[in-house]
Amino acid sequence: MKTNDREPILEMDDVHVEYELDEGTVRAVRGASYYVYPGETLALVGESGCGKSQSSFAAMGLIQPPGRVSKGRILFRERAGAEPVDLLQFHRNSRELRYIRGGRMAMIFQEPMTALSPVHRIGRQLDEVLQLHTHLNRTDRFERACEMLTRVGIPDAPRRYFQYSFEFSGGMRQRIMAAMALCGEPRLLFADEPTTGLDVTIQAQILDLMKEIQRGGDMGIVLITHNLAVVAETADRVAVMYLGEIVELADVQTLFSDPKHPYTIALMGSVVGSSFVRDHRLKVIRGSVPGPLEEVPGCAFHPRCDRFMRGVCDCRRPEMRDLDGKTQVRCWLYARDL
């Protein structure tokens, strides 16, 4: 369901990501569909292992063998008014996708220590992005890189530009990743836990910088996070994922005031100060996310659901339903055809 009259930057349409292993097939993403519009922040939330990062890797062409996108379309508009291109038609190392990736579409990775090269100076890595995706000369690239380092809170940027990643703390490496992703002013940004390891002051600084660049260039943001407080403050719409599926999609105000899916309600109840916790004690979602090779019949959440209906939830997979024009939910509780 499109929620905006403008053309979306990104359209994820029934995307499936699978990994063929000797032990069996891991279905990391099972039919994810969502849109991202210019100037909008869409938050992907859910427990670890629910496919949030894998869906963004699929769009960026970063799924490595034995993984593959087995089904679906990922349409990307490079600029307003342009015809969308299906990113899945390109090989992950093709010139066309490398032009888009890192420039028109960028990502802040969750693990900066593995995303940054330990044998190249930070400045060299920033310069490579600017060299590939801008027309700046060498002097201007240096100034632009130092400006971005300063804006994400790295002091003495001209000196730190020549240092290696292992000379920085974990939080500072996270800031460098943000600078690297934002320095090309992409049209679409995937931010995978962009505030991990940062204190609240730097968190606010990074999020404000993302918003500032978003306003200046109409950039779309896909924010992947566990932090519901950041979601409430930053996002326009929220997609809740569980076991590779989107189970609820709504604007942020609707989702926080009136969540529909039992999983969304359970997530809200696990947050300190939540209005869904009447006795002031945090709720725990019983059980755990099924293993990567485990097949769950029917609704993926039914083994952990307090409102489970035997003979329905454990037998048939629910489809995504539009409830009121504001919320889409994948749950048999809201079906009219039982």
C-alpha atoms as a PDB file:
ATOM      1  CA  MET A   1       0.000   0.000   0.000  1.00  0.00           C
ATOM      2  CA  LYS A   2       1.516   3.291  -1.089  1.00  0.00           C
ATOM      3  CA  THR A   3       0.963   6.064   1.411  1.00  0.00           C
ATOM      4  CA  ASN A   4       2.205   9.051  -0.544  1.00  0.00           C
ATOM      5  CA  ASP A   5       1.361  10.785  -3.827  1.00  0.00           C
ATOM      6  CA  ARG A   6       5.059  11.217  -4.618  1.00  0.00           C
ATOM      7  CA  GLU A   7       7.119   8.614  -6.411  1.00  0.00           C
ATOM      8  CA  PRO A   8       9.009   6.381  -3.962  1.00  0.00           C
ATOM      9  CA  ILE A   9      12.801   6.253  -4.092  1.00  0.00           C
ATOM     10  CA  LEU A  10      12.826   2.555  -3.244  1.00  0.00           C
ATOM     11  CA  GLU A  11      10.203  -0.142  -3.754  1.00  0.00           C
ATOM     12  CA  MET A  12      10.796  -3.535  -2.137  1.00  0.00           C
ATOM     13  CA  ASP A  13       8.306  -5.939  -3.685  1.00  0.00           C
ATOM     14  CA  ASP A  14       7.932  -9.464  -2.220  1.00  0.00           C
ATOM     15  CA  VAL A  15      11.686  -9.908  -1.687  1.00  0.00           C
ATOM     16  CA  HIS A  16      12.968 -13.309  -0.543  1.00  0.00           C
ATOM     17  CA  VAL A  17      16.566 -13.949   0.570  1.00  0.00           C
ATOM     18  CA  GLU A  18      17.761 -17.539   0.964  1.00  0.00           C
ATOM     19  CA  TYR A  19      21.012 -19.256   1.908  1.00  0.00           C
ATOM     20  CA  GLU A  20      21.543 -22.764   0.565  1.00  0.00           C
ATOM     21  CA  LEU A  21      23.595 -24.682   3.151  1.00  0.00           C
ATOM     22  CA  ASP A  22      24.500 -28.341   3.511  1.00  0.00           C
ATOM     23  CA  GLU A  23      22.145 -28.543   6.484  1.00  0.00           C
ATOM     24  CA  GLY A  24      19.230 -27.007   4.566  1.00  0.00           C
ATOM     25  CA  THR A  25      17.856 -23.702   3.336  1.00  0.00           C
ATOM     26  CA  VAL A  26      17.923 -20.634   5.566  1.00  0.00           C
ATOM     27  CA  ARG A  27      15.098 -18.243   4.615  1.00  0.00           C
ATOM     28  CA  ALA A  28      16.419 -14.956   5.954  1.00  0.00           C
ATOM     29  CA  VAL A  29      13.770 -12.751   4.308  1.00  0.00           C
ATOM     30  CA  ARG A  30      10.348 -14.145   3.398  1.00  0.00           C
ATOM     31  CA  GLY A  31       8.468 -11.728   1.196  1.00  0.00           C
ATOM     32  CA  ALA A  32       9.346  -8.259   2.504  1.00  0.00           C
ATOM     33  CA  SER A  33       7.548  -5.359   0.799  1.00  0.00           C
ATOM     34  CA  TYR A  34       7.807  -1.660   1.624  1.00  0.00           C
ATOM     35  CA  TYR A  35       8.270   1.784   0.062  1.00  0.00           C
ATOM     36  CA  VAL A  36      10.588   4.661   0.969  1.00  0.00           C
ATOM     37  CA  TYR A  37       9.716   8.188  -0.147  1.00  0.00           C
ATOM     38  CA  PRO A  38      11.869  11.315  -0.588  1.00  0.00           C
ATOM     39  CA  GLY A  39      12.439  13.075   2.713  1.00  0.00           C
ATOM     40  CA  GLU A  40      10.988  10.161   4.698  1.00  0.00           C
ATOM     41  CA  THR A  41      12.477   7.962   7.410  1.00  0.00           C
ATOM     42  CA  LEU A  42      11.183   4.392   7.508  1.00  0.00           C
ATOM     43  CA  ALA A  43      12.219   2.427  10.604  1.00  0.00           C
ATOM     44  CA  LEU A  44      12.666  -1.355  10.524  1.00  0.00           C
ATOM     45  CA  VAL A  45      12.328  -2.815  14.021  1.00  0.00           C
ATOM     46  CA  GLY A  46      12.289  -6.303  15.507  1.00  0.00           C
ATOM     47  CA  GLU A  47      14.441  -8.748  17.433  1.00  0.00           C
ATOM     48  CA  SER A  48      17.854  -9.848  16.185  1.00  0.00           C
ATOM     49  CA  GLY A  49      17.614 -12.449  13.436  1.00  0.00           C
ATOM     50  CA  CYS A  50      14.356 -11.134  11.974  1.00  0.00           C
ATOM     51  CA  GLY A  51      15.810 -10.141   8.585  1.00  0.00           C
ATOM     52  CA  LYS A  52      16.098  -6.377   8.961  1.00  0.00           C
ATOM     53  CA  SER A  53      19.738  -6.110   7.858  1.00  0.00           C
ATOM     54  CA  GLN A  54      19.377  -8.851   5.235  1.00  0.00           C
ATOM     55  CA  SER A  55      16.635  -6.925   3.433  1.00  0.00           C
ATOM     56  CA  SER A  56      18.897  -3.869   3.219  1.00  0.00           C
ATOM     57  CA  PHE A  57      21.844  -6.002   2.040  1.00  0.00           C
ATOM     58  CA  ALA A  58      19.589  -7.292  -0.757  1.00  0.00           C
ATOM     59  CA  ALA A  59      18.918  -3.731  -1.940  1.00  0.00           C
ATOM     60  CA  MET A  60      22.610  -2.821  -1.760  1.00  0.00           C
ATOM     61  CA  GLY A  61      23.685  -5.934  -3.707  1.00  0.00           C
ATOM     62  CA  LEU A  62      25.647  -7.234  -0.713  1.00  0.00           C
ATOM     63  CA  ILE A  63      24.188 -10.727  -0.395  1.00  0.00           C
ATOM     64  CA  GLN A  64      27.175 -13.055  -0.642  1.00  0.00           C
ATOM     65  CA  PRO A  65      27.121 -16.688  -1.858  1.00  0.00           C
ATOM     66  CA  PRO A  66      25.710 -19.108  -0.843  1.00  0.00           C
ATOM     67  CA  GLY A  67      23.020 -16.481  -0.311  1.00  0.00           C
ATOM     68  CA  ARG A  68      20.785 -15.170  -3.081  1.00  0.00           C
ATOM     69  CA  VAL A  69      17.678 -13.109  -3.661  1.00  0.00           C
ATOM     70  CA  SER A  70      15.411 -15.895  -4.856  1.00  0.00           C
ATOM     71  CA  LYS A  71      12.294 -13.857  -5.609  1.00  0.00           C
ATOM     72  CA  GLY A  72      10.950 -10.310  -5.843  1.00  0.00           C
ATOM     73  CA  ARG A  73      11.848  -6.890  -7.238  1.00  0.00           C
ATOM     74  CA  ILE A  74      13.825  -3.990  -5.784  1.00  0.00           C
ATOM     75  CA  LEU A  75      13.090  -0.801  -7.740  1.00  0.00           C
ATOM     76  CA  PHE A  76      15.244   2.310  -7.235  1.00  0.00           C
ATOM     77  CA  ARG A  77      14.735   5.836  -8.626  1.00  0.00           C
ATOM     78  CA  GLU A  78      18.011   7.698  -8.967  1.00  0.00           C
ATOM     79  CA  ARG A  79      16.249  11.069  -9.203  1.00  0.00           C
ATOM     80  CA  ALA A  80      12.738  12.516  -9.188  1.00  0.00           C
ATOM     81  CA  GLY A  81      10.850  11.784 -12.385  1.00  0.00           C
ATOM     82  CA  ALA A  82      13.254   9.064 -13.519  1.00  0.00           C
ATOM     83  CA  GLU A  83      12.108   5.586 -14.444  1.00  0.00           C
ATOM     84  CA  PRO A  84      12.919   3.085 -11.683  1.00  0.00           C
ATOM     85  CA  VAL A  85      15.510   0.381 -12.298  1.00  0.00           C
ATOM     86  CA  ASP A  86      15.318  -3.105 -10.835  1.00  0.00           C
ATOM     87  CA  LEU A  87      18.519  -3.479  -8.817  1.00  0.00           C
ATOM     88  CA  LEU A  88      18.254  -7.264  -9.027  1.00  0.00           C
ATOM     89  CA  GLN A  89      18.963  -7.210 -12.763  1.00  0.00           C
ATOM     90  CA  PHE A  90      22.561  -6.163 -12.040  1.00  0.00           C
ATOM     91  CA  HIS A  91      25.361  -8.434 -10.864  1.00  0.00           C
ATOM     92  CA  ARG A  92      26.511  -7.418  -7.401  1.00  0.00           C
ATOM     93  CA  ASN A  93      29.931  -6.388  -8.772  1.00  0.00           C
ATOM     94  CA  SER A  94      28.656  -4.745 -11.971  1.00  0.00           C
ATOM     95  CA  ARG A  95      29.677  -1.213 -12.914  1.00  0.00           C
ATOM     96  CA  GLU A  96      26.032  -0.100 -12.832  1.00  0.00           C
ATOM     97  CA  LEU A  97      25.454  -1.276  -9.272  1.00  0.00           C
ATOM     98  CA  ARG A  98      28.821   0.043  -8.058  1.00  0.00           C
ATOM     99  CA  TYR A  99      27.845   3.469  -9.427  1.00  0.00           C
ATOM    100  CA  ILE A 100      24.616   3.403  -7.394  1.00  0.00           C
ATOM    101  CA  ARG A 101      26.057   1.746  -4.278  1.00  0.00           C
ATOM    102  CA  GLY A 102      28.051   4.137  -2.116  1.00  0.00           C
ATOM    103  CA  GLY A 103      26.959   7.201  -4.067  1.00  0.00           C
ATOM    104  CA  ARG A 104      23.258   7.336  -4.831  1.00  0.00           C
ATOM    105  CA  MET A 105      22.532   4.694  -2.197  1.00  0.00           C
ATOM    106  CA  ALA A 106      24.718   4.371   0.912  1.00  0.00           C
ATOM    107  CA  MET A 107      24.810   2.409   4.142  1.00  0.00           C
ATOM    108  CA  ILE A 108      26.010   2.875   7.695  1.00  0.00           C
ATOM    109  CA  PHE A 109      27.022  -0.638   8.750  1.00  0.00           C
ATOM    110  CA  GLN A 110      26.337  -2.072  12.180  1.00  0.00           C
ATOM    111  CA  GLU A 111      29.903  -3.330  12.761  1.00  0.00           C
ATOM    112  CA  PRO A 112      32.389  -0.552  11.912  1.00  0.00           C
ATOM    113  CA  MET A 113      35.452  -2.608  12.880  1.00  0.00           C
ATOM    114  CA  THR A 114      34.707  -5.134  10.132  1.00  0.00           C
ATOM    115  CA  ALA A 115      33.398  -2.538   7.651  1.00  0.00           C
ATOM    116  CA  LEU A 116      36.487  -0.318   7.841  1.00  0.00           C
ATOM    117  CA  SER A 117      39.799  -1.453   6.367  1.00  0.00           C
ATOM    118  CA  PRO A 118      42.483  -1.891   9.063  1.00  0.00           C
ATOM    119  CA  VAL A 119      45.350  -1.404   6.565  1.00  0.00           C
ATOM    120  CA  HIS A 120      44.223   1.882   4.967  1.00  0.00           C
ATOM    121  CA  ARG A 121      44.081   5.258   6.649  1.00  0.00           C
ATOM    122  CA  ILE A 122      40.638   6.673   7.413  1.00  0.00           C
ATOM    123  CA  GLY A 123      41.221   9.562   5.020  1.00  0.00           C
ATOM    124  CA  ARG A 124      42.050   7.178   2.167  1.00  0.00           C
ATOM    125  CA  GLN A 125      38.737   5.397   2.652  1.00  0.00           C
ATOM    126  CA  LEU A 126      36.762   8.643   2.762  1.00  0.00           C
ATOM    127  CA  ASP A 127      38.641   9.947  -0.269  1.00  0.00           C
ATOM    128  CA  GLU A 128      37.781   6.813  -2.256  1.00  0.00           C
ATOM    129  CA  VAL A 129      34.058   7.432  -1.765  1.00  0.00           C
ATOM    130  CA  LEU A 130      34.391  11.065  -2.816  1.00  0.00           C
ATOM    131  CA  GLN A 131      36.607  10.208  -5.780  1.00  0.00           C
ATOM    132  CA  LEU A 132      34.147   7.627  -7.102  1.00  0.00           C
ATOM    133  CA  HIS A 133      30.935   9.539  -6.519  1.00  0.00           C
ATOM    134  CA  THR A 134      31.749  13.269  -6.810  1.00  0.00           C
ATOM    135  CA  HIS A 135      33.617  15.547  -9.206  1.00  0.00           C
ATOM    136  CA  LEU A 136      35.708  17.254  -6.502  1.00  0.00           C
ATOM    137  CA  ASN A 137      39.446  17.718  -6.955  1.00  0.00           C
ATOM    138  CA  ARG A 138      41.950  16.344  -4.435  1.00  0.00           C
ATOM    139  CA  THR A 139      42.081  19.477  -2.264  1.00  0.00           C
ATOM    140  CA  ASP A 140      38.307  19.832  -2.165  1.00  0.00           C
ATOM    141  CA  ARG A 141      37.926  16.139  -1.334  1.00  0.00           C
ATOM    142  CA  PHE A 142      40.267  16.542   1.639  1.00  0.00           C
ATOM    143  CA  GLU A 143      38.318  19.574   2.879  1.00  0.00           C
ATOM    144  CA  ARG A 144      35.003  17.790   2.395  1.00  0.00           C
ATOM    145  CA  ALA A 145      36.222  14.711   4.285  1.00  0.00           C
ATOM    146  CA  CYS A 146      37.512  16.803   7.195  1.00  0.00           C
ATOM    147  CA  GLU A 147      34.253  18.744   7.276  1.00  0.00           C
ATOM    148  CA  MET A 148      32.238  15.512   7.538  1.00  0.00           C
ATOM    149  CA  LEU A 149      34.520  14.125  10.254  1.00  0.00           C
ATOM    150  CA  THR A 150      34.049  17.328  12.233  1.00  0.00           C
ATOM    151  CA  ARG A 151      30.276  17.236  11.751  1.00  0.00           C
ATOM    152  CA  VAL A 152      30.038  13.722  13.204  1.00  0.00           C
ATOM    153  CA  GLY A 153      32.061  14.739  16.256  1.00  0.00           C
ATOM    154  CA  ILE A 154      35.644  13.722  15.399  1.00  0.00           C
ATOM    155  CA  PRO A 155      37.951  16.394  16.905  1.00  0.00           C
ATOM    156  CA  ASP A 156      41.114  17.595  15.140  1.00  0.00           C
ATOM    157  CA  ALA A 157      39.871  16.145  11.825  1.00  0.00           C
ATOM    158  CA  PRO A 158      42.909  17.128   9.644  1.00  0.00           C
ATOM    159  CA  ARG A 159      45.161  15.076  11.919  1.00  0.00           C
ATOM    160  CA  ARG A 160      42.776  12.155  12.470  1.00  0.00           C
ATOM    161  CA  TYR A 161      42.298  11.944   8.680  1.00  0.00           C
ATOM    162  CA  PHE A 162      45.721  10.245   8.462  1.00  0.00           C
ATOM    163  CA  GLN A 163      45.122   7.671  11.210  1.00  0.00           C
ATOM    164  CA  TYR A 164      44.011   4.037  10.980  1.00  0.00           C
ATOM    165  CA  SER A 165      40.723   2.583  12.233  1.00  0.00           C
ATOM    166  CA  PHE A 166      42.389   0.728  15.142  1.00  0.00           C
ATOM    167  CA  GLU A 167      43.528   4.095  16.536  1.00  0.00           C
ATOM    168  CA  PHE A 168      39.898   5.049  17.209  1.00  0.00           C
ATOM    169  CA  SER A 169      37.443   3.869  19.852  1.00  0.00           C
ATOM    170  CA  GLY A 170      34.377   1.860  18.862  1.00  0.00           C
ATOM    171  CA  GLY A 171      32.117   4.888  19.111  1.00  0.00           C
ATOM    172  CA  MET A 172      34.442   7.006  16.987  1.00  0.00           C
ATOM    173  CA  ARG A 173      34.618   4.267  14.345  1.00  0.00           C
ATOM    174  CA  GLN A 174      30.821   4.351  14.232  1.00  0.00           C
ATOM    175  CA  ARG A 175      30.976   8.100  13.600  1.00  0.00           C
ATOM    176  CA  ILE A 176      33.498   7.572  10.800  1.00  0.00           C
ATOM    177  CA  MET A 177      31.111   5.094   9.175  1.00  0.00           C
ATOM    178  CA  ALA A 178      28.379   7.738   9.312  1.00  0.00           C
ATOM    179  CA  ALA A 179      30.698  10.333   7.759  1.00  0.00           C
ATOM    180  CA  MET A 180      31.667   7.916   4.978  1.00  0.00           C
ATOM    181  CA  ALA A 181      28.037   7.118   4.153  1.00  0.00           C
ATOM    182  CA  LEU A 182      26.875  10.735   4.228  1.00  0.00           C
ATOM    183  CA  CYS A 183      29.784  12.470   2.498  1.00  0.00           C
ATOM    184  CA  GLY A 184      28.421  11.658  -0.972  1.00  0.00           C
ATOM    185  CA  GLU A 185      24.956  13.007  -0.011  1.00  0.00           C
ATOM    186  CA  PRO A 186      23.093   9.875  -1.171  1.00  0.00           C
ATOM    187  CA  ARG A 187      19.489   9.818  -2.302  1.00  0.00           C
ATOM    188  CA  LEU A 188      18.802   6.802  -0.066  1.00  0.00           C
ATOM    189  CA  LEU A 189      20.556   5.877   3.181  1.00  0.00           C
ATOM    190  CA  PHE A 190      20.361   2.548   5.008  1.00  0.00           C
ATOM    191  CA  ALA A 191      21.354   3.198   8.622  1.00  0.00           C
ATOM    192  CA  ASP A 192      21.918  -0.124  10.419  1.00  0.00           C
ATOM    193  CA  GLU A 193      22.047   0.646  14.152  1.00  0.00           C
ATOM    194  CA  PRO A 194      23.807   3.982  13.448  1.00  0.00           C
ATOM    195  CA  THR A 195      23.936   4.987  17.124  1.00  0.00           C
ATOM    196  CA  THR A 196      25.330   1.724  18.539  1.00  0.00           C
ATOM    197  CA  GLY A 197      28.136   2.363  21.039  1.00  0.00           C
ATOM    198  CA  LEU A 198      27.554   6.118  21.149  1.00  0.00           C
ATOM    199  CA  ASP A 199      26.645   8.185  24.175  1.00  0.00           C
ATOM    200  CA  VAL A 200      23.344  10.067  24.047  1.00  0.00           C
ATOM    201  CA  THR A 201      24.966  13.390  23.074  1.00  0.00           C
ATOM    202  CA  ILE A 202      26.721  11.920  20.030  1.00  0.00           C
ATOM    203  CA  GLN A 203      23.610   9.871  19.189  1.00  0.00           C
ATOM    204  CA  ALA A 204      21.622  13.088  18.926  1.00  0.00           C
ATOM    205  CA  GLN A 205      24.410  14.688  16.877  1.00  0.00           C
ATOM    206  CA  ILE A 206      24.455  11.831  14.334  1.00  0.00           C
ATOM    207  CA  LEU A 207      20.662  11.732  14.043  1.00  0.00           C
ATOM    208  CA  ASP A 208      20.492  15.526  13.654  1.00  0.00           C
ATOM    209  CA  LEU A 209      23.141  15.370  10.908  1.00  0.00           C
ATOM    210  CA  MET A 210      21.154  12.694   9.062  1.00  0.00           C
ATOM    211  CA  LYS A 211      18.031  14.847   9.329  1.00  0.00           C
ATOM    212  CA  GLU A 212      19.910  17.946   8.152  1.00  0.00           C
ATOM    213  CA  ILE A 213      21.243  16.202   5.041  1.00  0.00           C
ATOM    214  CA  GLN A 214      17.827  14.634   4.489  1.00  0.00           C
ATOM    215  CA  ARG A 215      16.118  18.025   4.474  1.00  0.00           C
ATOM    216  CA  GLY A 216      18.740  19.547   2.183  1.00  0.00           C
ATOM    217  CA  GLY A 217      18.574  16.858  -0.486  1.00  0.00           C
ATOM    218  CA  ASP A 218      15.224  15.098   0.056  1.00  0.00           C
ATOM    219  CA  MET A 219      17.083  11.934   1.051  1.00  0.00           C
ATOM    220  CA  GLY A 220      15.147   8.844   2.089  1.00  0.00           C
ATOM    221  CA  ILE A 221      16.335   6.892   5.144  1.00  0.00           C
ATOM    222  CA  VAL A 222      15.765   3.281   6.169  1.00  0.00           C
ATOM    223  CA  LEU A 223      16.601   3.197   9.886  1.00  0.00           C
ATOM    224  CA  ILE A 224      17.328  -0.287  11.265  1.00  0.00           C
ATOM    225  CA  THR A 225      17.316  -0.229  15.044  1.00  0.00           C
ATOM    226  CA  HIS A 226      16.278  -1.906  18.302  1.00  0.00           C
ATOM    227  CA  ASN A 227      15.929   1.468  20.014  1.00  0.00           C
ATOM    228  CA  LEU A 228      12.228   2.339  20.052  1.00  0.00           C
ATOM    229  CA  ALA A 229      12.971   5.717  21.628  1.00  0.00           C
ATOM    230  CA  VAL A 230      15.046   6.644  18.563  1.00  0.00           C
ATOM    231  CA  VAL A 231      12.231   5.364  16.336  1.00  0.00           C
ATOM    232  CA  ALA A 232       9.636   7.507  18.119  1.00  0.00           C
ATOM    233  CA  GLU A 233      11.841  10.587  17.786  1.00  0.00           C
ATOM    234  CA  THR A 234      13.105  10.068  14.238  1.00  0.00           C
ATOM    235  CA  ALA A 235      10.859   7.894  12.046  1.00  0.00           C
ATOM    236  CA  ASP A 236       7.856   8.813   9.919  1.00  0.00           C
ATOM    237  CA  ARG A 237       6.672   5.227   9.367  1.00  0.00           C
ATOM    238  CA  VAL A 238       7.570   1.947  11.064  1.00  0.00           C
ATOM    239  CA  ALA A 239       7.764  -1.594   9.676  1.00  0.00           C
ATOM    240  CA  VAL A 240       7.862  -4.345  12.334  1.00  0.00           C
ATOM    241  CA  MET A 241       9.669  -7.490  11.168  1.00  0.00           C
ATOM    242  CA  TYR A 242       9.508 -10.993  12.588  1.00  0.00           C
ATOM    243  CA  LEU A 243      11.234 -14.061  11.117  1.00  0.00           C
ATOM    244  CA  GLY A 244      11.856 -12.414   7.752  1.00  0.00           C
ATOM    245  CA  GLU A 245       8.333 -11.002   7.340  1.00  0.00           C
ATOM    246  CA  ILE A 246       6.852  -7.561   7.900  1.00  0.00           C
ATOM    247  CA  VAL A 247       4.011  -8.166  10.359  1.00  0.00           C
ATOM    248  CA  GLU A 248       2.877  -4.562  10.854  1.00  0.00           C
ATOM    249  CA  LEU A 249       3.380  -1.313   8.940  1.00  0.00           C
ATOM    250  CA  ALA A 250       2.041   2.049  10.064  1.00  0.00           C
ATOM    251  CA  ASP A 251       2.947   5.686  10.597  1.00  0.00           C
ATOM    252  CA  VAL A 252       4.897   6.205  13.789  1.00  0.00           C
ATOM    253  CA  GLN A 253       2.132   7.996  15.698  1.00  0.00           C
ATOM    254  CA  THR A 254      -0.435   5.295  14.914  1.00  0.00           C
ATOM    255  CA  LEU A 255       1.937   2.444  15.743  1.00  0.00           C
ATOM    256  CA  PHE A 256       2.939   3.825  19.135  1.00  0.00           C
ATOM    257  CA  SER A 257      -0.592   4.836  20.152  1.00  0.00           C
ATOM    258  CA  ASP A 258      -2.497   1.831  18.789  1.00  0.00           C
ATOM    259  CA  PRO A 259      -0.325  -1.172  17.824  1.00  0.00           C
ATOM    260  CA  LYS A 260      -2.281  -4.077  16.356  1.00  0.00           C
ATOM    261  CA  HIS A 261      -0.077  -7.146  15.988  1.00  0.00           C
ATOM    262  CA  PRO A 262       0.556  -9.153  19.194  1.00  0.00           C
ATOM    263  CA  TYR A 263       4.289  -9.058  18.451  1.00  0.00           C
ATOM    264  CA  THR A 264       4.289  -5.253  18.174  1.00  0.00           C
ATOM    265  CA  ILE A 265       2.347  -4.984  21.448  1.00  0.00           C
ATOM    266  CA  ALA A 266       4.844  -7.340  23.110  1.00  0.00           C
ATOM    267  CA  LEU A 267       7.765  -5.234  21.871  1.00  0.00           C
ATOM    268  CA  MET A 268       6.144  -2.094  23.264  1.00  0.00           C
ATOM    269  CA  GLY A 269       5.656  -3.827  26.602  1.00  0.00           C
ATOM    270  CA  SER A 270       9.361  -4.600  26.876  1.00  0.00           C
ATOM    271  CA  VAL A 271      10.337  -0.902  26.950  1.00  0.00           C
ATOM    272  CA  VAL A 272      10.996   0.983  30.185  1.00  0.00           C
ATOM    273  CA  GLY A 273       8.201   3.475  30.853  1.00  0.00           C
ATOM    274  CA  SER A 274       5.871   1.949  28.269  1.00  0.00           C
ATOM    275  CA  SER A 275       2.154   2.749  28.621  1.00  0.00           C
ATOM    276  CA  PHE A 276       1.521  -0.933  27.816  1.00  0.00           C
ATOM    277  CA  VAL A 277       3.018  -1.986  31.174  1.00  0.00           C
ATOM    278  CA  ARG A 278       0.360  -1.297  33.782  1.00  0.00           C
ATOM    279  CA  ASP A 279       2.163  -2.834  36.774  1.00  0.00           C
ATOM    280  CA  HIS A 280       5.459  -1.013  35.962  1.00  0.00           C
ATOM    281  CA  ARG A 281       7.219  -4.340  35.375  1.00  0.00           C
ATOM    282  CA  LEU A 282       8.835  -5.071  32.025  1.00  0.00           C
ATOM    283  CA  LYS A 283       7.214  -7.836  30.041  1.00  0.00           C
ATOM    284  CA  VAL A 284       9.264 -10.604  28.450  1.00  0.00           C
ATOM    285  CA  ILE A 285       8.249 -12.157  25.143  1.00  0.00           C
ATOM    286  CA  ARG A 286       8.173 -15.845  25.986  1.00  0.00           C
ATOM    287  CA  GLY A 287      10.283 -18.234  23.949  1.00  0.00           C
ATOM    288  CA  SER A 288      12.774 -17.072  21.371  1.00  0.00           C
ATOM    289  CA  VAL A 289      13.058 -16.447  17.650  1.00  0.00           C
ATOM    290  CA  PRO A 290      13.063 -19.857  15.871  1.00  0.00           C
ATOM    291  CA  GLY A 291      16.393 -21.147  14.578  1.00  0.00           C
ATOM    292  CA  PRO A 292      17.483 -20.320  11.019  1.00  0.00           C
ATOM    293  CA  LEU A 293      16.652 -23.803   9.704  1.00  0.00           C
ATOM    294  CA  GLU A 294      13.408 -24.226  11.641  1.00  0.00           C
ATOM    295  CA  GLU A 295      10.166 -24.132   9.647  1.00  0.00           C
ATOM    296  CA  VAL A 296       7.158 -22.734  11.520  1.00  0.00           C
ATOM    297  CA  PRO A 297       3.757 -23.635  10.007  1.00  0.00           C
ATOM    298  CA  GLY A 298       1.090 -20.967   9.780  1.00  0.00           C
ATOM    299  CA  CYS A 299       1.807 -17.629  11.455  1.00  0.00           C
ATOM    300  CA  ALA A 300       5.506 -17.392  12.304  1.00  0.00           C
ATOM    301  CA  PHE A 301       4.767 -15.796  15.702  1.00  0.00           C
ATOM    302  CA  HIS A 302       2.106 -18.267  16.891  1.00  0.00           C
ATOM    303  CA  PRO A 303       4.402 -20.373  19.205  1.00  0.00           C
ATOM    304  CA  ARG A 304       5.076 -17.234  21.283  1.00  0.00           C
ATOM    305  CA  CYS A 305       1.703 -15.479  20.942  1.00  0.00           C
ATOM    306  CA  ASP A 306      -0.629 -15.008  23.933  1.00  0.00           C
ATOM    307  CA  ARG A 307      -3.632 -14.737  21.592  1.00  0.00           C
ATOM    308  CA  PHE A 308      -2.862 -17.887  19.578  1.00  0.00           C
ATOM    309  CA  MET A 309      -5.930 -19.578  18.007  1.00  0.00           C
ATOM    310  CA  ARG A 310      -5.446 -23.322  17.633  1.00  0.00           C
ATOM    311  CA  GLY A 311      -6.391 -24.692  14.232  1.00  0.00           C
ATOM    312  CA  VAL A 312      -5.988 -21.297  12.609  1.00  0.00           C
ATOM    313  CA  CYS A 313      -2.715 -19.603  13.531  1.00  0.00           C
ATOM    314  CA  ASP A 314      -0.755 -22.870  13.440  1.00  0.00           C
ATOM    315  CA  CYS A 315      -2.167 -24.010  10.093  1.00  0.00           C
ATOM    316  CA  ARG A 316      -2.441 -21.067   7.700  1.00  0.00           C
ATOM    317  CA  ARG A 317      -0.065 -18.197   6.954  1.00  0.00           C
ATOM    318  CA  PRO A 318      -1.866 -14.850   7.295  1.00  0.00           C
ATOM    319  CA  GLU A 319      -1.670 -12.264   4.520  1.00  0.00           C
ATOM    320  CA  MET A 320      -0.972  -8.559   5.008  1.00  0.00           C
ATOM    321  CA  ARG A 321      -4.273  -6.689   5.521  1.00  0.00           C
ATOM    322  CA  ASP A 322      -5.050  -2.992   5.317  1.00  0.00           C
ATOM    323  CA  LEU A 323      -7.155  -2.175   8.364  1.00  0.00           C
ATOM    324  CA  ASP A 324      -8.053   1.488   8.179  1.00  0.00           C
ATOM    325  CA  GLY A 325      -5.793   3.164   5.618  1.00  0.00           C
ATOM    326  CA  LYS A 326      -3.229   3.795   8.366  1.00  0.00           C
ATOM    327  CA  THR A 327      -2.133   0.318   9.440  1.00  0.00           C
ATOM    328  CA  GLN A 328      -1.300  -2.887   7.615  1.00  0.00           C
ATOM    329  CA  VAL A 329      -1.052  -6.021   9.726  1.00  0.00           C
ATOM    330  CA  ARG A 330      -0.312  -9.733   9.135  1.00  0.00           C
ATOM    331  CA  CYS A 331      -2.501 -11.437  11.751  1.00  0.00           C
ATOM    332  CA  TRP A 332      -5.560 -13.720  11.816  1.00  0.00           C
ATOM    333  CA  LEU A 333      -7.111 -11.635  14.620  1.00  0.00           C
ATOM    334  CA  TYR A 334      -8.111  -9.050  12.033  1.00  0.00           C
ATOM    335  CA  ALA A 335      -9.316 -11.434   9.319  1.00  0.00           C
ATOM    336  CA  ARG A 336     -12.939 -11.476   8.234  1.00  0.00           C
ATOM    337  CA  ASP A 337     -12.736 -14.746   6.316  1.00  0.00           C
ATOM    338  CA  LEU A 338     -12.047 -17.286   9.093  1.00  0.00           C
END
